[in-house]
C-alpha atoms as a PDB file:
ATOM      1  CA  MET A   1       0.000   0.000   0.000  1.00  0.00           C
ATOM      2  CA  ALA A   2       2.910   2.347   0.742  1.00  0.00           C
ATOM      3  CA  LEU A   3       4.321   1.740  -2.742  1.00  0.00           C
ATOM      4  CA  LEU A   4       0.973   2.682  -4.293  1.00  0.00           C
ATOM      5  CA  ARG A   5       0.890   5.927  -2.294  1.00  0.00           C
ATOM      6  CA  PHE A   6       4.467   6.666  -3.361  1.00  0.00           C
ATOM      7  CA  LEU A   7       3.666   6.046  -7.047  1.00  0.00           C
ATOM      8  CA  ALA A   8       0.555   8.240  -6.827  1.00  0.00           C
ATOM      9  CA  LEU A   9       2.538  11.111  -5.299  1.00  0.00           C
ATOM     10  CA  PRO A  10       3.137  12.981  -8.604  1.00  0.00           C
ATOM     11  CA  PHE A  11      -0.611  12.954  -9.270  1.00  0.00           C
ATOM     12  CA  ARG A  12      -1.430  14.219  -5.781  1.00  0.00           C
ATOM     13  CA  ALA A  13       1.361  16.832  -5.866  1.00  0.00           C
ATOM     14  CA  PRO A  14       1.687  17.883  -9.536  1.00  0.00           C
ATOM     15  CA  LEU A  15       4.361  20.462  -8.789  1.00  0.00           C
ATOM     16  CA  LEU A  16       6.793  17.554  -8.388  1.00  0.00           C
ATOM     17  CA  LEU A  17       6.284  16.964 -12.107  1.00  0.00           C
ATOM     18  CA  VAL A  18       6.859  20.672 -12.711  1.00  0.00           C
ATOM     19  CA  LEU A  19      10.143  20.410 -10.777  1.00  0.00           C
ATOM     20  CA  PHE A  20      11.161  17.449 -12.935  1.00  0.00           C
ATOM     21  CA  VAL A  21      10.312  19.317 -16.160  1.00  0.00           C
ATOM     22  CA  VAL A  22      12.232  22.395 -14.959  1.00  0.00           C
ATOM     23  CA  ALA A  23      15.235  20.167 -14.237  1.00  0.00           C
ATOM     24  CA  ILE A  24      14.985  18.649 -17.737  1.00  0.00           C
ATOM     25  CA  LEU A  25      14.881  22.103 -19.320  1.00  0.00           C
ATOM     26  CA  LEU A  26      17.810  23.324 -17.222  1.00  0.00           C
ATOM     27  CA  GLY A  27      19.863  20.246 -18.117  1.00  0.00           C
ATOM     28  CA  HIS A  28      19.167  20.843 -21.795  1.00  0.00           C
ATOM     29  CA  HIS A  29      19.940  24.554 -21.492  1.00  0.00           C
ATOM     30  CA  TRP A  30      23.216  23.791 -19.698  1.00  0.00           C
ATOM     31  CA  THR A  31      24.179  21.346 -22.454  1.00  0.00           C
ATOM     32  CA  ILE A  32      23.744  24.041 -25.098  1.00  0.00           C
ATOM     33  CA  PHE A  33      25.524  26.594 -22.897  1.00  0.00           C
ATOM     34  CA  GLN A  34      28.385  24.143 -22.304  1.00  0.00           C
ATOM     35  CA  GLN A  35      28.923  23.696 -26.027  1.00  0.00           C
ATOM     36  CA  ASP A  36      29.079  27.467 -26.501  1.00  0.00           C
ATOM     37  CA  LEU A  37      31.568  27.807 -23.630  1.00  0.00           C
ATOM     38  CA  MET A  38      33.742  25.045 -25.029  1.00  0.00           C
ATOM     39  CA  ASN A  39      33.809  26.735 -28.448  1.00  0.00           C
ATOM     40  CA  ASP A  40      34.315  30.295 -27.186  1.00  0.00           C
ATOM     41  CA  ARG A  41      36.443  29.969 -24.037  1.00  0.00           C
ATOM     42  CA  GLY A  42      37.753  26.401 -24.028  1.00  0.00           C
ATOM     43  CA  ILE A  43      36.235  25.454 -20.652  1.00  0.00           C
ATOM     44  CA  ASP A  44      36.556  21.795 -19.674  1.00  0.00           C
ATOM     45  CA  PRO A  45      33.161  19.973 -19.792  1.00  0.00           C
ATOM     46  CA  GLN A  46      33.844  18.049 -16.568  1.00  0.00           C
ATOM     47  CA  LEU A  47      34.509  21.289 -14.696  1.00  0.00           C
ATOM     48  CA  PHE A  48      31.385  22.890 -16.139  1.00  0.00           C
ATOM     49  CA  TRP A  49      29.126  19.980 -15.184  1.00  0.00           C
ATOM     50  CA  THR A  50      30.680  19.686 -11.736  1.00  0.00           C
ATOM     51  CA  VAL A  51      29.938  23.343 -11.033  1.00  0.00           C
ATOM     52  CA  GLU A  52      26.382  23.080 -12.380  1.00  0.00           C
ATOM     53  CA  VAL A  53      25.558  19.911 -10.428  1.00  0.00           C
ATOM     54  CA  VAL A  54      27.019  21.294  -7.198  1.00  0.00           C
ATOM     55  CA  GLN A  55      25.035  24.496  -7.761  1.00  0.00           C
ATOM     56  CA  ALA A  56      21.810  22.514  -8.291  1.00  0.00           C
ATOM     57  CA  LEU A  57      22.426  20.375  -5.197  1.00  0.00           C
ATOM     58  CA  LEU A  58      23.211  23.447  -3.116  1.00  0.00           C
ATOM     59  CA  VAL A  59      19.972  25.111  -4.232  1.00  0.00           C
ATOM     60  CA  VAL A  60      17.972  21.985  -3.345  1.00  0.00           C
ATOM     61  CA  VAL A  61      19.584  21.665   0.093  1.00  0.00           C
ATOM     62  CA  ILE A  62      19.099  25.347   0.909  1.00  0.00           C
ATOM     63  CA  CYS A  63      15.480  25.309  -0.254  1.00  0.00           C
ATOM     64  CA  THR A  64      14.536  22.086   1.551  1.00  0.00           C
ATOM     65  CA  MET A  65      16.319  22.677   4.868  1.00  0.00           C
ATOM     66  CA  PRO A  66      16.273  26.457   5.461  1.00  0.00           C
ATOM     67  CA  ASP A  67      15.396  26.250   9.159  1.00  0.00           C
ATOM     68  CA  LEU A  68      18.231  23.829   9.998  1.00  0.00           C
ATOM     69  CA  LEU A  69      20.804  25.767   7.987  1.00  0.00           C
ATOM     70  CA  LEU A  70      19.784  29.163   9.336  1.00  0.00           C
ATOM     71  CA  ARG A  71      19.820  27.859  12.911  1.00  0.00           C
ATOM     72  CA  GLN A  72      23.381  26.539  12.492  1.00  0.00           C
ATOM     73  CA  VAL A  73      24.611  29.775  10.851  1.00  0.00           C
ATOM     74  CA  SER A  74      22.927  31.851  13.584  1.00  0.00           C
ATOM     75  CA  MET A  75      24.560  29.807  16.332  1.00  0.00           C
ATOM     76  CA  LEU A  76      27.937  30.136  14.604  1.00  0.00           C
ATOM     77  CA  MET A  77      27.570  33.900  14.220  1.00  0.00           C
ATOM     78  CA  ALA A  78      26.379  34.344  17.806  1.00  0.00           C
ATOM     79  CA  SER A  79      29.501  32.698  19.187  1.00  0.00           C
ATOM     80  CA  SER A  80      31.886  35.549  18.314  1.00  0.00           C
ATOM     81  CA  ARG A  81      31.978  38.958  16.640  1.00  0.00           C
ATOM     82  CA  VAL A  82      34.972  37.938  14.548  1.00  0.00           C
ATOM     83  CA  ILE A  83      33.201  34.843  13.260  1.00  0.00           C
ATOM     84  CA  SER A  84      30.106  36.947  12.615  1.00  0.00           C
ATOM     85  CA  LEU A  85      32.152  39.429  10.575  1.00  0.00           C
ATOM     86  CA  VAL A  86      33.945  36.699   8.628  1.00  0.00           C
ATOM     87  CA  VAL A  87      30.712  34.842   7.832  1.00  0.00           C
ATOM     88  CA  THR A  88      28.954  38.057   6.779  1.00  0.00           C
ATOM     89  CA  LEU A  89      31.842  39.139   4.551  1.00  0.00           C
ATOM     90  CA  LEU A  90      32.080  35.688   3.027  1.00  0.00           C
ATOM     91  CA  LEU A  91      28.356  35.619   2.261  1.00  0.00           C
ATOM     92  CA  VAL A  92      28.308  39.164   0.857  1.00  0.00           C
ATOM     93  CA  ILE A  93      31.406  38.701  -1.318  1.00  0.00           C
ATOM     94  CA  THR A  94      30.287  35.298  -2.589  1.00  0.00           C
ATOM     95  CA  GLY A  95      26.758  36.574  -3.219  1.00  0.00           C
ATOM     96  CA  GLY A  96      28.062  39.689  -4.974  1.00  0.00           C
ATOM     97  CA  LEU A  97      30.323  37.698  -7.259  1.00  0.00           C
ATOM     98  CA  TYR A  98      27.487  35.320  -7.995  1.00  0.00           C
ATOM     99  CA  VAL A  99      25.060  38.128  -8.818  1.00  0.00           C
ATOM    100  CA  LEU A 100      27.536  39.417 -11.400  1.00  0.00           C
ATOM    101  CA  GLN A 101      26.896  36.258 -13.400  1.00  0.00           C
ATOM    102  CA  LEU A 102      23.248  37.015 -14.212  1.00  0.00           C
ATOM    103  CA  SER A 103      22.676  34.020 -16.466  1.00  0.00           C
ATOM    104  CA  LEU A 104      23.608  31.725 -13.571  1.00  0.00           C
ATOM    105  CA  LEU A 105      21.429  33.705 -11.192  1.00  0.00           C
ATOM    106  CA  SER A 106      18.371  33.221 -13.395  1.00  0.00           C
ATOM    107  CA  ASP A 107      18.929  29.440 -13.414  1.00  0.00           C
ATOM    108  CA  VAL A 108      19.218  29.447  -9.623  1.00  0.00           C
ATOM    109  CA  LEU A 109      16.039  31.481  -9.225  1.00  0.00           C
ATOM    110  CA  ILE A 110      14.089  29.199 -11.556  1.00  0.00           C
ATOM    111  CA  LEU A 111      15.308  26.042  -9.843  1.00  0.00           C
ATOM    112  CA  SER A 112      14.779  27.387  -6.326  1.00  0.00           C
ATOM    113  CA  SER A 113      11.240  28.522  -7.193  1.00  0.00           C
ATOM    114  CA  ALA A 114      10.407  25.069  -8.550  1.00  0.00           C
ATOM    115  CA  VAL A 115      11.853  23.349  -5.453  1.00  0.00           C
ATOM    116  CA  LEU A 116       9.981  25.649  -3.072  1.00  0.00           C
ATOM    117  CA  LEU A 117       6.706  25.160  -4.973  1.00  0.00           C
ATOM    118  CA  ALA A 118       7.175  21.374  -4.893  1.00  0.00           C
ATOM    119  CA  ARG A 119       7.813  21.551  -1.139  1.00  0.00           C
ATOM    120  CA  LEU A 120       4.681  23.663  -0.710  1.00  0.00           C
ATOM    121  CA  ASP A 121       2.647  21.179  -2.728  1.00  0.00           C
ATOM    122  CA  LEU A 122       3.931  18.279  -0.624  1.00  0.00           C
ATOM    123  CA  THR A 123       3.047  20.202   2.525  1.00  0.00           C
ATOM    124  CA  ARG A 124      -0.443  20.819   1.119  1.00  0.00           C
ATOM    125  CA  ILE A 125      -1.082  17.075   0.855  1.00  0.00           C
ATOM    126  CA  LYS A 126       0.518  16.545   4.291  1.00  0.00           C
ATOM    127  CA  VAL A 127       3.606  14.655   3.087  1.00  0.00           C
ATOM    128  CA  VAL A 128       6.372  16.115   5.228  1.00  0.00           C
ATOM    129  CA  PRO A 129       9.335  13.761   5.627  1.00  0.00           C
ATOM    130  CA  PRO A 130      12.378  14.792   7.684  1.00  0.00           C
ATOM    131  CA  PRO A 131      14.433  17.543   6.004  1.00  0.00           C
ATOM    132  CA  VAL A 132      17.333  15.243   5.107  1.00  0.00           C
ATOM    133  CA  VAL A 133      15.006  12.754   3.398  1.00  0.00           C
ATOM    134  CA  MET A 134      13.222  15.588   1.590  1.00  0.00           C
ATOM    135  CA  ALA A 135      16.542  17.034   0.401  1.00  0.00           C
ATOM    136  CA  ALA A 136      17.695  13.607  -0.796  1.00  0.00           C
ATOM    137  CA  TRP A 137      14.513  12.912  -2.782  1.00  0.00           C
ATOM    138  CA  MET A 138      14.386  16.400  -4.278  1.00  0.00           C
ATOM    139  CA  SER A 139      18.057  16.031  -5.257  1.00  0.00           C
ATOM    140  CA  VAL A 140      17.285  12.734  -6.972  1.00  0.00           C
ATOM    141  CA  ILE A 141      14.397  14.334  -8.888  1.00  0.00           C
ATOM    142  CA  VAL A 142      16.527  17.310  -9.956  1.00  0.00           C
ATOM    143  CA  LEU A 143      19.590  15.252 -10.921  1.00  0.00           C
ATOM    144  CA  CYS A 144      17.508  12.749 -12.907  1.00  0.00           C
ATOM    145  CA  GLY A 145      15.855  15.637 -14.739  1.00  0.00           C
ATOM    146  CA  VAL A 146      19.182  17.325 -15.463  1.00  0.00           C
ATOM    147  CA  TRP A 147      20.602  14.039 -16.750  1.00  0.00           C
ATOM    148  CA  LEU A 148      17.568  13.486 -18.985  1.00  0.00           C
ATOM    149  CA  GLY A 149      17.863  17.044 -20.304  1.00  0.00           C
ATOM    150  CA  HIS A 150      21.553  16.487 -20.958  1.00  0.00           C
ATOM    151  CA  VAL A 151      20.934  13.435 -23.150  1.00  0.00           C
ATOM    152  CA  LEU A 152      18.252  15.157 -25.257  1.00  0.00           C
ATOM    153  CA  PRO A 153      19.422  15.927 -28.790  1.00  0.00           C
ATOM    154  CA  ASN A 154      20.888  19.345 -29.443  1.00  0.00           C
ATOM    155  CA  PRO A 155      18.434  21.544 -31.395  1.00  0.00           C
ATOM    156  CA  PHE A 156      21.356  23.274 -33.152  1.00  0.00           C
ATOM    157  CA  ALA A 157      22.240  19.992 -34.849  1.00  0.00           C
ATOM    158  CA  ILE A 158      18.765  19.598 -36.414  1.00  0.00           C
ATOM    159  CA  SER A 159      19.207  21.668 -39.558  1.00  0.00           C
ATOM    160  CA  PRO A 160      21.283  24.673 -40.603  1.00  0.00           C
ATOM    161  CA  LEU A 161      18.270  27.011 -40.904  1.00  0.00           C
ATOM    162  CA  GLY A 162      16.729  25.839 -37.640  1.00  0.00           C
ATOM    163  CA  ALA A 163      20.108  26.145 -35.961  1.00  0.00           C
ATOM    164  CA  GLU A 164      20.428  29.818 -36.854  1.00  0.00           C
ATOM    165  CA  ALA A 165      16.888  30.575 -35.690  1.00  0.00           C
ATOM    166  CA  LEU A 166      17.395  28.731 -32.400  1.00  0.00           C
ATOM    167  CA  ARG A 167      20.840  30.264 -31.867  1.00  0.00           C
ATOM    168  CA  PHE A 168      19.214  33.708 -32.169  1.00  0.00           C
ATOM    169  CA  LEU A 169      16.692  32.748 -29.470  1.00  0.00           C
ATOM    170  CA  TYR A 170      19.334  31.321 -27.103  1.00  0.00           C
ATOM    171  CA  THR A 171      21.881  34.129 -27.506  1.00  0.00           C
ATOM    172  CA  PRO A 172      21.634  36.518 -24.542  1.00  0.00           C
ATOM    173  CA  GLY A 173      21.901  40.240 -25.107  1.00  0.00           C
ATOM    174  CA  LEU A 174      20.400  40.371 -28.582  1.00  0.00           C
ATOM    175  CA  PRO A 175      17.446  42.702 -29.082  1.00  0.00           C
ATOM    176  CA  ALA A 176      14.124  40.936 -29.396  1.00  0.00           C
END
């Protein structure tokens, strides 16, 4: 009976499916972005995917366990003024550098919104596992979606005319 309830979960909480679709789209977008980075800047694909996967996992953990993380950071900052200053500077500098990369920030905002909406939908149907279990399952959903998006065929390889039209749509900074 528990297996049936688990299999019916996407139908009871449809925003889990939305999270999976968002992860598929992000994985596909990152694949196209990776190919552009390899051609333009010569960035190693393993490094690119490591950074993207760590970023996705970090977003999922922060969005599924905010109370535990904030409690630990608050206790750390309350222990000393020096630690408080160091933690604040580290967060501000890291956040400022991250905000400078606006294309990455938009991916983070999209993924975090999808994770938070999926959490809200699970709470609505009264499925609230412990935070570590929730983070693990959400990470599995996101990583499976990113992997599936990564293996989708590249739309630029479809045809030369379609490639130019799609490249125009995917190129940031061009006037619409």
